[in-house]
Amino acid sequence: MEINFLQIVSAFIVLFAVIDILGSLPIILDLQKKSGPIKAFQATSVAFTIMIIFLFVGEALLGLFGVDISSFAIAGSFVLLIMAFEMILGIEVFRYDSPSGASIVPIAFPLIAGAGSFTTLLSLRAEFDTINIIIALFLNIAVVYFVLKSSKFVERVVGQGGIYVMKKFFGIILLAMSVKLFMTNFGNIVMEFIKSFQS
């Protein structure tokens, strides 16, 4: 297990696209109006803790159900595919319509640490070293913290048009990564099946 810059960048981009904190700016700003200022450090630290725990315990939980990481990664690729279509086509699958917003719920969970993030983390484990995923996750949490801390400023700088373009761009990247994730792990399963059949 070694630090690999390319893996860190790849994992960062995928997690950034899935968390989609810039695309969530309208939700965050709306929650601020309803529930007051969001505690950026509290929200990001809780989200980071939840995702780290799931990164290490998630595979063991899968083992209880007899599911291997490659199969989960393929299932995850379908989830990422749907999320990519959501970003590219402007459809809404995951709704954040809690009547009472707060830093923990729904910001930390499920807005930052949600089903998409969990699926992505375990899917990335099928391809990348854990240390590189943790670094990429930490960098993403740092970006999330900055956006939460200065959400109104970021909105003014990037603008609605900029947020729209970034959402479409990262949606396409996420779509490509979901296809790659599917092909890699499907190939692994096929190879394992061939080996077991030959033996």
Protein backbone atom coordinates (compact mmCIF):
# COMPACT_ATOMS: atom_id res chain seq x y z
CA MET A 1 0.00 0.00 0.00
CA GLU A 2 1.72 3.14 -1.23
CA ILE A 3 0.80 6.74 -2.00
CA ASN A 4 0.05 7.17 -5.70
CA PHE A 5 -0.61 10.69 -6.99
CA LEU A 6 -2.59 9.47 -10.01
CA GLN A 7 -4.86 7.36 -7.81
CA ILE A 8 -5.38 10.28 -5.44
CA VAL A 9 -6.37 12.58 -8.32
CA SER A 10 -8.69 9.97 -9.85
CA ALA A 11 -10.36 9.18 -6.52
CA PHE A 12 -10.64 12.89 -5.71
CA ILE A 13 -12.41 13.65 -9.00
CA VAL A 14 -14.87 10.77 -8.58
CA LEU A 15 -15.68 11.68 -4.96
CA PHE A 16 -15.93 15.36 -5.87
CA ALA A 17 -18.44 14.51 -8.61
CA VAL A 18 -20.47 12.24 -6.30
CA ILE A 19 -20.52 14.58 -3.29
CA ASP A 20 -21.21 17.46 -5.71
CA ILE A 21 -20.97 20.15 -3.06
CA LEU A 22 -21.06 22.97 -5.63
CA GLY A 23 -24.19 21.51 -7.17
CA SER A 24 -25.68 21.36 -3.67
CA LEU A 25 -25.14 25.09 -3.07
CA PRO A 26 -28.82 25.97 -3.73
CA ILE A 27 -29.85 23.35 -1.13
CA ILE A 28 -27.29 24.63 1.39
CA LEU A 29 -28.34 28.26 0.93
CA ASP A 30 -32.00 27.29 1.31
CA LEU A 31 -31.23 25.35 4.52
CA GLN A 32 -29.34 28.36 5.89
CA LYS A 33 -32.44 30.48 5.42
CA LYS A 34 -34.61 27.90 7.20
CA SER A 35 -32.33 26.78 10.05
CA GLY A 36 -29.74 29.56 10.38
CA PRO A 37 -25.95 29.37 9.87
CA ILE A 38 -24.50 25.92 9.17
CA LYS A 39 -21.60 24.81 11.38
CA ALA A 40 -19.07 23.90 8.69
CA PHE A 41 -16.57 22.11 10.94
CA GLN A 42 -19.24 20.04 12.68
CA ALA A 43 -20.87 19.00 9.41
CA THR A 44 -17.61 18.06 7.66
CA SER A 45 -16.03 16.27 10.65
CA VAL A 46 -19.15 14.14 11.18
CA ALA A 47 -19.39 13.34 7.45
CA PHE A 48 -15.67 12.45 7.27
CA THR A 49 -15.95 10.17 10.33
CA ILE A 50 -18.99 8.37 8.93
CA MET A 51 -17.31 7.77 5.56
CA ILE A 52 -14.01 6.59 7.07
CA ILE A 53 -15.85 4.10 9.28
CA PHE A 54 -17.82 2.83 6.31
CA LEU A 55 -14.66 2.56 4.21
CA PHE A 56 -13.17 0.08 6.68
CA VAL A 57 -16.29 -1.65 8.02
CA GLY A 58 -18.34 -1.65 4.82
CA GLU A 59 -16.53 -4.63 3.30
CA ALA A 60 -17.02 -6.67 6.49
CA LEU A 61 -20.72 -5.83 6.38
CA LEU A 62 -20.84 -7.08 2.80
CA GLY A 63 -19.16 -10.29 3.93
CA LEU A 64 -22.06 -10.96 6.29
CA PHE A 65 -24.32 -11.07 3.23
CA GLY A 66 -21.86 -13.08 1.14
CA VAL A 67 -21.20 -10.26 -1.32
CA ASP A 68 -17.67 -9.75 -2.69
CA ILE A 69 -16.18 -6.32 -3.39
CA SER A 70 -16.23 -6.76 -7.19
CA SER A 71 -19.96 -7.51 -7.20
CA PHE A 72 -20.60 -4.51 -4.97
CA ALA A 73 -18.44 -2.37 -7.24
CA ILE A 74 -20.57 -3.38 -10.24
CA ALA A 75 -23.73 -2.53 -8.29
CA GLY A 76 -22.02 0.74 -7.33
CA SER A 77 -21.25 1.48 -10.97
CA PHE A 78 -24.99 1.40 -11.72
CA VAL A 79 -25.64 3.85 -8.87
CA LEU A 80 -22.90 6.14 -10.18
CA LEU A 81 -24.38 5.81 -13.67
CA ILE A 82 -27.76 7.00 -12.39
CA MET A 83 -26.12 9.87 -10.51
CA ALA A 84 -24.21 10.85 -13.65
CA PHE A 85 -27.45 10.95 -15.65
CA GLU A 86 -28.98 13.01 -12.84
CA MET A 87 -26.19 15.59 -13.19
CA ILE A 88 -26.05 15.59 -16.99
CA LEU A 89 -29.78 15.50 -17.76
CA GLY A 90 -30.89 17.67 -14.82
CA ILE A 91 -33.23 15.03 -13.38
CA GLU A 92 -33.63 14.56 -9.61
CA VAL A 93 -33.37 11.09 -8.05
CA PHE A 94 -32.12 11.85 -4.52
CA ARG A 95 -34.29 14.39 -2.75
CA TYR A 96 -33.20 16.47 0.24
CA ASP A 97 -36.54 17.73 1.43
CA SER A 98 -36.18 17.52 5.21
CA PRO A 99 -38.49 20.15 6.77
CA SER A 100 -35.89 21.06 9.41
CA GLY A 101 -32.32 21.50 8.20
CA ALA A 102 -29.27 21.27 10.46
CA SER A 103 -25.50 20.78 10.30
CA ILE A 104 -25.72 17.03 11.04
CA VAL A 105 -28.95 16.17 9.23
CA PRO A 106 -29.30 16.62 6.32
CA ILE A 107 -25.94 18.36 5.58
CA ALA A 108 -23.45 15.84 7.03
CA PHE A 109 -25.83 12.97 6.34
CA PRO A 110 -27.12 12.32 3.73
CA LEU A 111 -26.03 15.35 1.68
CA ILE A 112 -22.25 14.79 2.07
CA ALA A 113 -22.06 11.25 3.44
CA GLY A 114 -24.91 9.54 1.64
CA ALA A 115 -25.70 6.44 -0.39
CA GLY A 116 -23.67 7.67 -3.35
CA SER A 117 -20.60 8.38 -1.21
CA PHE A 118 -20.80 4.99 0.53
CA THR A 119 -21.15 3.14 -2.76
CA THR A 120 -18.30 5.10 -4.31
CA LEU A 121 -15.90 4.49 -1.41
CA LEU A 122 -16.34 0.72 -1.51
CA SER A 123 -16.26 0.72 -5.30
CA LEU A 124 -12.97 2.63 -5.29
CA ARG A 125 -11.49 0.06 -2.91
CA ALA A 126 -11.75 -2.45 -5.74
CA GLU A 127 -9.22 -0.42 -7.75
CA PHE A 128 -7.23 1.95 -5.51
CA ASP A 129 -5.09 1.61 -2.38
CA THR A 130 -6.91 2.59 0.80
CA ILE A 131 -4.38 5.29 1.73
CA ASN A 132 -4.96 7.08 -1.58
CA ILE A 133 -8.74 6.96 -1.09
CA ILE A 134 -8.38 8.40 2.42
CA ILE A 135 -6.19 11.27 1.14
CA ALA A 136 -8.64 11.98 -1.70
CA LEU A 137 -11.54 11.89 0.77
CA PHE A 138 -9.77 14.26 3.16
CA LEU A 139 -9.06 16.72 0.31
CA ASN A 140 -12.73 16.55 -0.70
CA ILE A 141 -13.83 17.21 2.87
CA ALA A 142 -11.48 20.22 2.92
CA VAL A 143 -13.20 21.55 -0.23
CA VAL A 144 -16.62 20.87 1.33
CA TYR A 145 -15.57 22.75 4.47
CA PHE A 146 -14.47 25.75 2.38
CA VAL A 147 -17.72 25.76 0.41
CA LEU A 148 -19.87 25.49 3.56
CA LYS A 149 -17.82 28.18 5.30
CA SER A 150 -18.12 30.60 2.41
CA SER A 151 -21.17 29.32 0.52
CA LYS A 152 -22.57 32.74 -0.36
CA PHE A 153 -19.15 34.00 -1.47
CA VAL A 154 -18.58 30.90 -3.66
CA GLU A 155 -22.00 31.38 -5.21
CA ARG A 156 -21.14 34.98 -6.12
CA VAL A 157 -17.72 34.03 -7.56
CA VAL A 158 -18.72 30.92 -9.51
CA GLY A 159 -22.20 32.12 -10.37
CA GLN A 160 -25.24 30.05 -11.30
CA GLY A 161 -23.84 29.56 -14.80
CA GLY A 162 -20.52 28.32 -13.46
CA ILE A 163 -22.21 25.87 -11.09
CA TYR A 164 -24.33 24.60 -14.00
CA VAL A 165 -21.30 24.03 -16.26
CA MET A 166 -19.30 22.30 -13.50
CA LYS A 167 -22.21 20.01 -12.72
CA LYS A 168 -22.45 18.89 -16.37
CA PHE A 169 -18.66 18.50 -16.69
CA PHE A 170 -18.29 16.34 -13.58
CA GLY A 171 -21.41 14.42 -14.58
CA ILE A 172 -19.66 13.31 -17.78
CA ILE A 173 -16.52 12.35 -15.82
CA LEU A 174 -18.66 10.37 -13.39
CA LEU A 175 -20.38 8.62 -16.30
CA ALA A 176 -17.01 7.59 -17.77
CA MET A 177 -15.77 6.38 -14.37
CA SER A 178 -18.92 4.30 -13.83
CA VAL A 179 -18.37 2.57 -17.17
CA LYS A 180 -14.70 1.91 -16.32
CA LEU A 181 -15.66 0.61 -12.88
CA PHE A 182 -18.18 -1.78 -14.41
CA MET A 183 -15.82 -3.10 -17.11
CA THR A 184 -12.89 -3.64 -14.70
CA ASN A 185 -14.86 -5.52 -12.06
CA PHE A 186 -16.97 -7.45 -14.56
CA GLY A 187 -13.69 -8.61 -16.09
CA ASN A 188 -12.47 -9.68 -12.63
CA ILE A 189 -15.61 -11.72 -12.01
CA VAL A 190 -15.38 -13.39 -15.42
CA MET A 191 -11.72 -14.30 -14.83
CA GLU A 192 -12.55 -15.74 -11.39
CA PHE A 193 -15.36 -17.75 -12.92
CA ILE A 194 -13.07 -19.12 -15.65
CA LYS A 195 -10.41 -20.07 -13.09
CA SER A 196 -12.92 -21.86 -10.86
CA PHE A 197 -14.38 -23.66 -13.89
CA GLN A 198 -10.93 -24.83 -15.06
CA SER A 199 -9.98 -26.10 -11.61
